[in-house]
Amino acid sequence: MIYELRTYHALPGRMPALLTRFETRTLKIWERLGIRQLGFWRTTVGPSHLELVYILVWDSLAERERLWGAFVADREWQEVAAASEVDGPILANITNFFMSPTSFSALQ
């Protein structure tokens, strides 16, 4: 398994739009395409309340490339993304890392 840690840095005032987009539309598209998420988190105590962190689960980097490519090219996703940004951009930036569990990890 490969885990992809993604951090979305929302623009001020745009976190509600980001959360709504995931909750009402994005996750349904991912389910249709076979993209699996481990979980989503928001900062409770820390330097920024404008971050949304989530982890995706992949069998391999090849699967990630195939499914993420299908997602980015998906017509429904493109419409959702455009509609959610009609009042302006949502994200300042995105960071992501690919991680593999250690031999002593609970996730193997």
N, C-alpha and C. Protein backbone atom coordinates (compact mmCIF):
# COMPACT_ATOMS: atom_id res chain seq x y z
N MET A 1 0.83 -1.19 0.00
CA MET A 1 0.00 0.00 0.00
C MET A 1 0.87 1.25 0.00
N ILE A 2 0.37 2.24 -0.65
CA ILE A 2 0.99 3.57 -0.64
C ILE A 2 -0.06 4.55 -0.17
N TYR A 3 0.34 5.43 0.73
CA TYR A 3 -0.57 6.44 1.27
C TYR A 3 -0.13 7.80 0.75
N GLU A 4 -1.11 8.57 0.29
CA GLU A 4 -0.82 9.92 -0.20
C GLU A 4 -1.40 10.92 0.80
N LEU A 5 -0.52 11.68 1.40
CA LEU A 5 -0.92 12.72 2.34
C LEU A 5 -1.05 14.02 1.56
N ARG A 6 -2.25 14.59 1.56
CA ARG A 6 -2.51 15.82 0.82
C ARG A 6 -2.95 16.90 1.81
N THR A 7 -2.39 18.08 1.67
CA THR A 7 -2.77 19.22 2.50
C THR A 7 -3.24 20.34 1.59
N TYR A 8 -4.47 20.76 1.81
CA TYR A 8 -5.04 21.88 1.05
C TYR A 8 -5.00 23.11 1.94
N HIS A 9 -4.44 24.18 1.42
CA HIS A 9 -4.35 25.45 2.13
C HIS A 9 -5.40 26.37 1.49
N ALA A 10 -6.51 26.56 2.21
CA ALA A 10 -7.61 27.36 1.68
C ALA A 10 -7.30 28.85 1.78
N LEU A 11 -7.86 29.59 0.87
CA LEU A 11 -7.77 31.04 0.96
C LEU A 11 -8.69 31.52 2.08
N PRO A 12 -8.39 32.66 2.69
CA PRO A 12 -9.24 33.16 3.77
C PRO A 12 -10.71 33.26 3.33
N GLY A 13 -11.58 32.73 4.18
CA GLY A 13 -13.01 32.77 3.91
C GLY A 13 -13.52 31.68 2.98
N ARG A 14 -12.64 30.83 2.44
CA ARG A 14 -13.06 29.85 1.44
C ARG A 14 -13.13 28.41 1.96
N MET A 15 -12.79 28.18 3.23
CA MET A 15 -12.86 26.83 3.77
C MET A 15 -14.27 26.24 3.68
N PRO A 16 -15.34 26.99 3.98
CA PRO A 16 -16.68 26.40 3.85
C PRO A 16 -16.96 25.87 2.44
N ALA A 17 -16.52 26.58 1.43
CA ALA A 17 -16.74 26.13 0.05
C ALA A 17 -15.95 24.85 -0.23
N LEU A 18 -14.73 24.78 0.29
CA LEU A 18 -13.91 23.58 0.10
C LEU A 18 -14.55 22.38 0.77
N LEU A 19 -14.98 22.53 2.01
CA LEU A 19 -15.61 21.43 2.74
C LEU A 19 -16.90 20.98 2.06
N THR A 20 -17.70 21.92 1.62
CA THR A 20 -18.95 21.59 0.93
C THR A 20 -18.67 20.83 -0.35
N ARG A 21 -17.66 21.26 -1.09
CA ARG A 21 -17.32 20.57 -2.35
C ARG A 21 -16.95 19.11 -2.10
N PHE A 22 -16.13 18.86 -1.09
CA PHE A 22 -15.79 17.48 -0.78
C PHE A 22 -17.01 16.69 -0.33
N GLU A 23 -17.73 17.24 0.64
CA GLU A 23 -18.83 16.51 1.27
C GLU A 23 -19.98 16.20 0.32
N THR A 24 -20.28 17.13 -0.56
CA THR A 24 -21.47 16.95 -1.40
C THR A 24 -21.18 16.41 -2.80
N ARG A 25 -19.95 16.57 -3.29
CA ARG A 25 -19.72 16.19 -4.68
C ARG A 25 -18.46 15.34 -4.90
N THR A 26 -17.31 15.82 -4.41
CA THR A 26 -16.03 15.17 -4.73
C THR A 26 -16.00 13.72 -4.28
N LEU A 27 -16.43 13.44 -3.06
CA LEU A 27 -16.36 12.07 -2.55
C LEU A 27 -17.21 11.11 -3.36
N LYS A 28 -18.32 11.58 -3.90
CA LYS A 28 -19.17 10.73 -4.75
C LYS A 28 -18.47 10.40 -6.07
N ILE A 29 -17.75 11.36 -6.59
CA ILE A 29 -16.99 11.13 -7.83
C ILE A 29 -15.87 10.14 -7.55
N TRP A 30 -15.16 10.33 -6.44
CA TRP A 30 -14.10 9.39 -6.08
C TRP A 30 -14.64 7.98 -5.93
N GLU A 31 -15.79 7.84 -5.28
CA GLU A 31 -16.39 6.52 -5.10
C GLU A 31 -16.67 5.87 -6.45
N ARG A 32 -17.22 6.65 -7.36
CA ARG A 32 -17.52 6.13 -8.70
C ARG A 32 -16.25 5.68 -9.43
N LEU A 33 -15.15 6.40 -9.21
CA LEU A 33 -13.90 6.10 -9.90
C LEU A 33 -13.03 5.07 -9.17
N GLY A 34 -13.38 4.75 -7.92
CA GLY A 34 -12.59 3.78 -7.16
C GLY A 34 -11.45 4.38 -6.36
N ILE A 35 -11.50 5.69 -6.11
CA ILE A 35 -10.48 6.35 -5.29
C ILE A 35 -10.88 6.19 -3.82
N ARG A 36 -9.93 5.70 -3.01
CA ARG A 36 -10.21 5.39 -1.60
C ARG A 36 -9.53 6.40 -0.68
N GLN A 37 -10.29 6.90 0.28
CA GLN A 37 -9.73 7.81 1.27
C GLN A 37 -9.68 7.13 2.63
N LEU A 38 -8.62 7.44 3.38
CA LEU A 38 -8.46 6.93 4.74
C LEU A 38 -9.15 7.84 5.74
N GLY A 39 -9.10 9.14 5.48
CA GLY A 39 -9.74 10.09 6.38
C GLY A 39 -9.37 11.53 6.05
N PHE A 40 -10.13 12.44 6.65
CA PHE A 40 -9.94 13.88 6.49
C PHE A 40 -9.80 14.50 7.87
N TRP A 41 -8.96 15.54 7.98
CA TRP A 41 -8.74 16.21 9.25
C TRP A 41 -8.62 17.72 9.02
N ARG A 42 -9.05 18.46 10.06
CA ARG A 42 -8.81 19.91 10.12
C ARG A 42 -8.03 20.21 11.37
N THR A 43 -7.25 21.25 11.33
CA THR A 43 -6.45 21.65 12.49
C THR A 43 -7.36 22.15 13.60
N THR A 44 -7.20 21.57 14.79
CA THR A 44 -7.94 22.02 15.97
C THR A 44 -7.11 23.04 16.74
N VAL A 45 -5.84 22.71 16.94
CA VAL A 45 -4.90 23.62 17.60
C VAL A 45 -3.64 23.63 16.75
N GLY A 46 -3.21 24.79 16.36
CA GLY A 46 -2.02 24.88 15.52
C GLY A 46 -1.95 26.23 14.84
N PRO A 47 -1.00 26.37 13.94
CA PRO A 47 -0.74 27.68 13.34
C PRO A 47 -1.80 28.16 12.34
N SER A 48 -2.61 27.24 11.77
CA SER A 48 -3.56 27.69 10.75
C SER A 48 -4.86 26.89 10.79
N HIS A 49 -5.95 27.60 10.72
CA HIS A 49 -7.27 26.97 10.61
C HIS A 49 -7.70 26.85 9.15
N LEU A 50 -6.79 27.19 8.24
CA LEU A 50 -7.10 27.18 6.82
C LEU A 50 -6.59 25.94 6.10
N GLU A 51 -6.26 24.89 6.86
CA GLU A 51 -5.73 23.67 6.25
C GLU A 51 -6.73 22.52 6.38
N LEU A 52 -6.85 21.78 5.30
CA LEU A 52 -7.60 20.53 5.28
C LEU A 52 -6.60 19.46 4.86
N VAL A 53 -6.47 18.42 5.69
CA VAL A 53 -5.51 17.35 5.44
C VAL A 53 -6.28 16.06 5.22
N TYR A 54 -5.87 15.29 4.21
CA TYR A 54 -6.50 13.99 4.03
C TYR A 54 -5.49 13.00 3.47
N ILE A 55 -5.84 11.72 3.60
CA ILE A 55 -4.97 10.65 3.14
C ILE A 55 -5.74 9.76 2.18
N LEU A 56 -5.13 9.52 1.02
CA LEU A 56 -5.67 8.58 0.03
C LEU A 56 -4.87 7.30 0.08
N VAL A 57 -5.51 6.19 -0.24
CA VAL A 57 -4.88 4.87 -0.19
C VAL A 57 -4.80 4.31 -1.60
N TRP A 58 -3.60 3.89 -1.99
CA TRP A 58 -3.36 3.36 -3.32
C TRP A 58 -2.68 1.99 -3.22
N ASP A 59 -2.99 1.10 -4.13
CA ASP A 59 -2.28 -0.18 -4.20
C ASP A 59 -0.87 0.01 -4.75
N SER A 60 -0.69 1.01 -5.63
CA SER A 60 0.61 1.27 -6.25
C SER A 60 0.61 2.68 -6.82
N LEU A 61 1.79 3.16 -7.18
CA LEU A 61 1.86 4.47 -7.84
C LEU A 61 1.20 4.42 -9.21
N ALA A 62 1.26 3.27 -9.86
CA ALA A 62 0.61 3.13 -11.17
C ALA A 62 -0.91 3.29 -11.02
N GLU A 63 -1.48 2.70 -9.96
CA GLU A 63 -2.92 2.87 -9.73
C GLU A 63 -3.24 4.32 -9.46
N ARG A 64 -2.40 4.98 -8.68
CA ARG A 64 -2.63 6.38 -8.38
C ARG A 64 -2.64 7.23 -9.66
N GLU A 65 -1.66 7.00 -10.51
CA GLU A 65 -1.58 7.76 -11.76
C GLU A 65 -2.81 7.53 -12.63
N ARG A 66 -3.23 6.28 -12.72
CA ARG A 66 -4.40 5.94 -13.55
C ARG A 66 -5.68 6.56 -12.99
N LEU A 67 -5.94 6.35 -11.69
CA LEU A 67 -7.20 6.83 -11.11
C LEU A 67 -7.22 8.35 -10.93
N TRP A 68 -6.09 8.93 -10.53
CA TRP A 68 -6.06 10.40 -10.37
C TRP A 68 -6.19 11.07 -11.74
N GLY A 69 -5.57 10.47 -12.74
CA GLY A 69 -5.72 11.00 -14.10
C GLY A 69 -7.16 10.95 -14.56
N ALA A 70 -7.86 9.86 -14.25
CA ALA A 70 -9.27 9.74 -14.60
C ALA A 70 -10.10 10.79 -13.86
N PHE A 71 -9.75 11.04 -12.61
CA PHE A 71 -10.47 12.04 -11.82
C PHE A 71 -10.29 13.43 -12.41
N VAL A 72 -9.05 13.82 -12.67
CA VAL A 72 -8.78 15.15 -13.20
C VAL A 72 -9.46 15.36 -14.55
N ALA A 73 -9.56 14.31 -15.35
CA ALA A 73 -10.17 14.41 -16.67
C ALA A 73 -11.69 14.25 -16.64
N ASP A 74 -12.25 13.87 -15.50
CA ASP A 74 -13.68 13.58 -15.39
C ASP A 74 -14.51 14.85 -15.63
N ARG A 75 -15.44 14.76 -16.53
CA ARG A 75 -16.28 15.92 -16.88
C ARG A 75 -17.08 16.43 -15.69
N GLU A 76 -17.66 15.50 -14.92
CA GLU A 76 -18.43 15.93 -13.74
C GLU A 76 -17.54 16.70 -12.77
N TRP A 77 -16.31 16.20 -12.50
CA TRP A 77 -15.39 16.89 -11.60
C TRP A 77 -15.04 18.28 -12.13
N GLN A 78 -14.81 18.40 -13.42
CA GLN A 78 -14.47 19.70 -13.99
C GLN A 78 -15.61 20.69 -13.80
N GLU A 79 -16.84 20.21 -13.95
CA GLU A 79 -18.01 21.08 -13.73
C GLU A 79 -18.15 21.47 -12.27
N VAL A 80 -17.93 20.50 -11.37
CA VAL A 80 -18.01 20.76 -9.93
C VAL A 80 -16.95 21.78 -9.52
N ALA A 81 -15.73 21.59 -9.98
CA ALA A 81 -14.64 22.49 -9.63
C ALA A 81 -14.95 23.92 -10.11
N ALA A 82 -15.40 24.03 -11.33
CA ALA A 82 -15.71 25.36 -11.88
C ALA A 82 -16.85 26.02 -11.11
N ALA A 83 -17.90 25.27 -10.81
CA ALA A 83 -19.04 25.82 -10.09
C ALA A 83 -18.66 26.25 -8.67
N SER A 84 -17.78 25.49 -8.03
CA SER A 84 -17.41 25.82 -6.65
C SER A 84 -16.50 27.05 -6.57
N GLU A 85 -15.93 27.44 -7.71
CA GLU A 85 -15.05 28.60 -7.71
C GLU A 85 -15.66 29.80 -8.43
N VAL A 86 -16.97 29.77 -8.61
CA VAL A 86 -17.62 30.90 -9.27
C VAL A 86 -17.44 32.19 -8.48
N ASP A 87 -17.30 32.09 -7.15
CA ASP A 87 -17.07 33.27 -6.31
C ASP A 87 -15.59 33.54 -6.08
N GLY A 88 -14.73 32.83 -6.79
CA GLY A 88 -13.30 33.02 -6.67
C GLY A 88 -12.61 31.73 -6.30
N PRO A 89 -11.29 31.70 -6.43
CA PRO A 89 -10.52 30.50 -6.11
C PRO A 89 -10.73 30.08 -4.65
N ILE A 90 -10.59 28.79 -4.39
CA ILE A 90 -10.73 28.24 -3.05
C ILE A 90 -9.37 28.01 -2.40
N LEU A 91 -8.40 27.56 -3.17
CA LEU A 91 -7.13 27.13 -2.62
C LEU A 91 -5.98 28.09 -2.90
N ALA A 92 -5.14 28.26 -1.88
CA ALA A 92 -3.90 29.00 -2.07
C ALA A 92 -2.85 28.07 -2.66
N ASN A 93 -2.79 26.83 -2.12
CA ASN A 93 -1.89 25.82 -2.67
C ASN A 93 -2.21 24.44 -2.10
N ILE A 94 -1.57 23.45 -2.69
CA ILE A 94 -1.73 22.05 -2.29
C ILE A 94 -0.34 21.45 -2.15
N THR A 95 -0.14 20.68 -1.09
CA THR A 95 1.09 19.90 -0.96
C THR A 95 0.69 18.43 -0.85
N ASN A 96 1.56 17.56 -1.35
CA ASN A 96 1.28 16.13 -1.20
C ASN A 96 2.57 15.36 -1.07
N PHE A 97 2.46 14.24 -0.35
CA PHE A 97 3.57 13.33 -0.10
C PHE A 97 3.07 11.92 -0.28
N PHE A 98 3.93 11.04 -0.77
CA PHE A 98 3.61 9.62 -0.87
C PHE A 98 4.39 8.90 0.21
N MET A 99 3.69 8.06 0.98
CA MET A 99 4.30 7.41 2.13
C MET A 99 4.03 5.91 2.08
N SER A 100 4.99 5.15 2.58
CA SER A 100 4.84 3.70 2.74
C SER A 100 4.95 3.39 4.23
N PRO A 101 4.12 2.46 4.73
CA PRO A 101 4.19 2.15 6.16
C PRO A 101 5.47 1.41 6.52
N THR A 102 5.91 1.63 7.74
CA THR A 102 7.07 0.89 8.26
C THR A 102 6.62 -0.52 8.67
N SER A 103 7.58 -1.36 8.97
CA SER A 103 7.27 -2.73 9.38
C SER A 103 6.54 -2.79 10.72
N PHE A 104 6.61 -1.72 11.51
CA PHE A 104 5.98 -1.70 12.82
C PHE A 104 4.73 -0.81 12.85
N SER A 105 4.24 -0.39 11.70
CA SER A 105 3.05 0.44 11.61
C SER A 105 1.80 -0.40 11.78
N ALA A 106 0.77 0.20 12.39
CA ALA A 106 -0.52 -0.46 12.50
C ALA A 106 -1.19 -0.59 11.12
N LEU A 107 -0.81 0.27 10.20
CA LEU A 107 -1.34 0.24 8.83
C LEU A 107 -0.36 -0.47 7.93
N GLN A 108 -0.67 -1.70 7.57
CA GLN A 108 0.23 -2.44 6.68
C GLN A 108 -0.54 -3.09 5.58
